[in-house]
Protein backbone atom coordinates (compact mmCIF):
# COMPACT_ATOMS: atom_id res chain seq x y z
CA GLY A 1 1.31 -10.25 -2.73
CA ALA A 2 2.28 -7.14 -4.64
CA ALA A 3 4.77 -6.03 -2.13
CA GLU A 4 6.16 -9.42 -2.02
CA ALA A 5 6.76 -10.12 -5.38
CA VAL A 6 8.45 -6.25 -5.87
CA GLU A 7 10.65 -7.87 -3.05
CA ASP A 8 11.38 -11.10 -4.88
CA GLU A 9 12.12 -8.92 -8.34
CA TYR A 10 14.52 -6.73 -6.59
CA PRO A 11 16.26 -8.70 -3.86
CA GLY A 12 17.47 -5.98 -1.34
CA ILE A 13 14.59 -3.16 -1.21
CA GLU A 14 11.71 -2.94 1.05
CA VAL A 15 8.16 -2.22 0.43
CA GLY A 16 6.12 -0.49 2.90
CA ILE A 17 2.42 -0.02 2.84
CA LYS A 18 0.55 3.13 2.81
CA TRP A 19 -2.58 2.68 4.01
CA PRO A 20 -5.08 1.40 1.88
CA ASN A 21 -3.54 1.45 -1.30
CA ASP A 22 -0.10 2.61 -1.92
CA LEU A 23 3.49 1.02 -1.88
CA PHE A 24 6.45 3.41 -1.11
CA VAL A 25 10.32 1.86 -0.97
CA GLY A 26 11.76 4.67 1.48
CA SER A 27 10.26 7.74 1.47
CA ALA A 28 8.85 7.36 -2.03
CA LYS A 29 5.67 6.22 -3.60
CA VAL A 30 6.26 3.40 -6.27
CA ALA A 31 2.45 2.09 -6.99
CA GLY A 32 -1.19 2.56 -6.05
CA ILE A 33 -3.55 -0.12 -6.67
CA LEU A 34 -7.45 0.19 -6.25
CA ALA A 35 -10.34 -1.84 -5.81
CA GLU A 36 -13.69 -1.36 -6.89
CA ALA A 37 -16.87 -4.44 -5.80
CA ARG A 38 -19.20 -4.51 -8.30
CA GLY A 39 -21.75 -7.04 -8.90
CA GLY A 40 -20.04 -9.74 -6.13
CA SER A 41 -16.84 -9.08 -7.85
CA VAL A 42 -13.42 -6.97 -7.11
CA ILE A 43 -11.92 -5.54 -10.07
CA LEU A 44 -8.34 -4.36 -9.04
CA GLY A 45 -6.20 -1.88 -11.30
CA MET A 46 -2.43 -1.31 -10.46
CA GLY A 47 -0.03 1.25 -11.48
CA ILE A 48 3.29 0.71 -11.43
CA ASN A 49 6.65 3.02 -12.02
CA VAL A 50 8.54 0.02 -13.46
CA ASN A 51 11.29 1.51 -15.73
CA ASP A 52 10.88 5.62 -14.67
CA GLU A 53 14.61 7.16 -14.76
CA PRO A 54 15.14 10.25 -11.89
CA GLY A 55 13.81 13.29 -14.42
CA ALA A 56 10.67 11.15 -15.87
CA PHE A 57 8.19 12.27 -13.83
CA PRO A 58 6.65 15.55 -12.82
CA ALA A 59 7.70 18.51 -10.73
CA GLU A 60 5.03 18.48 -8.27
CA ILE A 61 5.58 14.29 -7.93
CA ALA A 62 9.12 14.63 -8.33
CA GLY A 63 10.04 14.28 -4.78
CA THR A 64 7.15 11.64 -3.80
CA ALA A 65 7.58 9.58 -6.73
CA ALA A 66 10.25 6.42 -7.60
CA SER A 67 10.56 4.02 -10.20
CA LEU A 68 11.61 0.24 -9.64
CA ARG A 69 13.76 0.44 -11.46
CA MET A 70 15.44 3.81 -9.09
CA ALA A 71 14.80 1.73 -6.15
CA GLY A 72 16.12 -1.65 -7.29
CA GLY A 73 19.00 -0.29 -9.28
CA LYS A 74 17.88 -2.47 -12.27
CA ALA A 75 15.90 -2.29 -15.28
CA ARG A 76 13.60 -5.07 -15.83
CA SER A 77 10.39 -6.37 -18.08
CA ARG A 78 7.27 -5.10 -17.03
CA GLY A 79 6.26 -8.73 -17.93
CA GLU A 80 8.65 -10.12 -15.16
CA ILE A 81 6.51 -7.79 -12.31
CA LEU A 82 3.11 -8.84 -13.30
CA ALA A 83 4.27 -12.31 -13.34
CA ALA A 84 5.92 -12.52 -10.13
CA ILE A 85 2.11 -10.69 -9.21
CA LEU A 86 -0.23 -12.69 -10.00
CA ARG A 87 2.12 -15.70 -8.85
CA ARG A 88 1.63 -13.71 -5.07
CA PHE A 89 -1.85 -13.16 -5.88
CA GLU A 90 -2.69 -16.28 -6.48
CA GLU A 91 -0.69 -17.77 -3.09
CA LEU A 92 -2.53 -14.73 -0.90
CA TYR A 93 -6.50 -16.13 -2.49
CA THR A 94 -5.44 -19.36 -1.76
CA VAL A 95 -4.93 -18.24 2.24
CA TRP A 96 -7.83 -16.08 1.58
CA GLU A 97 -10.07 -18.64 0.70
CA SER A 98 -8.94 -20.93 3.60
CA GLY A 99 -10.81 -18.38 5.59
CA ASP A 100 -7.47 -17.47 7.83
CA PRO A 101 -8.21 -13.63 7.88
CA ASP A 102 -5.60 -12.80 10.04
CA LEU A 103 -2.87 -14.13 7.90
CA LEU A 104 -3.60 -11.51 5.90
CA ARG A 105 -4.27 -8.74 8.34
CA SER A 106 -0.83 -9.76 10.12
CA ARG A 107 1.30 -9.76 6.41
CA LEU A 108 -0.60 -6.38 5.85
CA GLU A 109 0.11 -4.87 9.13
CA SER A 110 4.43 -6.20 8.85
CA ARG A 111 4.62 -3.50 6.08
CA LEU A 112 2.13 -0.59 7.17
CA LEU A 113 3.62 2.80 6.49
CA TRP A 114 3.12 5.03 10.27
CA LYS A 115 2.33 2.46 12.56
CA GLY A 116 2.56 3.66 15.84
CA GLY A 117 3.06 7.61 13.99
CA ARG A 118 0.47 10.30 15.04
CA VAL A 119 -1.80 10.48 10.80
CA SER A 120 -4.64 13.14 10.18
CA ILE A 121 -7.52 11.43 8.02
CA GLU A 122 -9.56 13.71 5.67
CA ASN A 123 -13.04 11.28 5.31
CA GLY A 124 -15.23 14.19 3.17
CA THR A 125 -16.87 15.19 6.42
CA GLY A 126 -13.69 16.99 8.30
CA THR A 127 -10.38 15.34 9.74
CA VAL A 128 -9.49 13.41 11.62
CA SER A 129 -6.32 12.85 14.07
CA GLY A 130 -5.11 9.89 15.45
CA VAL A 131 -2.16 7.56 16.40
CA VAL A 132 -1.80 4.14 13.98
CA GLU A 133 -3.06 1.43 15.63
CA GLY A 134 -2.81 -1.34 12.42
CA VAL A 135 -5.43 -2.78 10.58
CA THR A 136 -8.80 -4.96 11.21
CA ALA A 137 -9.06 -8.24 10.10
CA GLU A 138 -11.00 -6.62 7.05
CA GLY A 139 -8.03 -4.71 6.40
CA TYR A 140 -9.92 -1.74 7.26
CA LEU A 141 -7.55 1.11 9.29
CA ARG A 142 -7.07 1.07 13.48
CA LEU A 143 -6.50 4.70 14.90
CA SER A 144 -6.49 5.43 18.30
CA THR A 145 -7.95 9.46 18.86
CA ALA A 146 -8.81 11.77 21.45
CA GLY A 147 -12.17 10.53 21.45
CA GLY A 148 -11.69 6.76 21.93
CA PRO A 149 -10.49 4.22 18.64
CA ARG A 150 -11.68 4.67 15.37
CA VAL A 151 -12.01 2.32 12.44
CA PHE A 152 -12.21 3.95 9.21
CA HIS A 153 -12.78 2.29 5.91
CA ALA A 154 -10.62 2.77 2.47
CA GLY A 155 -12.84 4.93 0.32
CA ASP A 156 -12.48 8.33 -0.14
CA LEU A 157 -10.20 9.70 1.81
CA SER A 158 -6.60 11.26 2.83
CA LEU A 159 -4.01 10.04 5.14
CA ARG A 160 -1.34 11.86 6.01
CA LEU A 161 1.69 11.89 8.35
CA GLU A 162 1.24 14.58 10.59
CA GLU A 163 5.03 16.65 11.54
CA ARG A 164 5.75 16.47 14.54
C-alpha cells in the first residue's frame, strides 16, 4: 500500500519492496515499516524520507538512502503523502477483509526486490543462502536453498543480496 501510494504521488518512479519492511527506489532505501502484534492488534510504524536533499544523510548511509524528493524531483507535503498512504491502506484492508490473501500476496510479490536472486539471511542462529522464490500467502519469504525449500518469518533477521 505504501509503495503504491508513493507511486500515486510521484508518477514515473517505481517502488520495490525489500522483504520484509523496506521501500526502495532503484538501489536506495526511502522508507522502513515496522509491524508489531500486541494483544490481538497490529501496531504499524513507518519512517519515510520525504523532503531530504542530497547530503542530508549521515556518511554511513549516504550511498544507500534517498528521499522521495530526491527520487521524484519535487518536494511534497508530508500530510499529502500520509493521506495517500492511508487511502491505499484502507483499500488493502478491504481486500484483506474480503478473504482473498492471494491478491495481497501477488501485489507484494510483484514488487519484491531480488526475486530470482541469490541472497543470504542471518537469523540469529546462522546464515542461510538461497534464491528468492517469492512470498507465501501470509507474507513469509520463500527461498530455494541447497537443502530444499525454506520459509522465513519476519523478525530478527537480516537479508542481503549476494555478490555474484
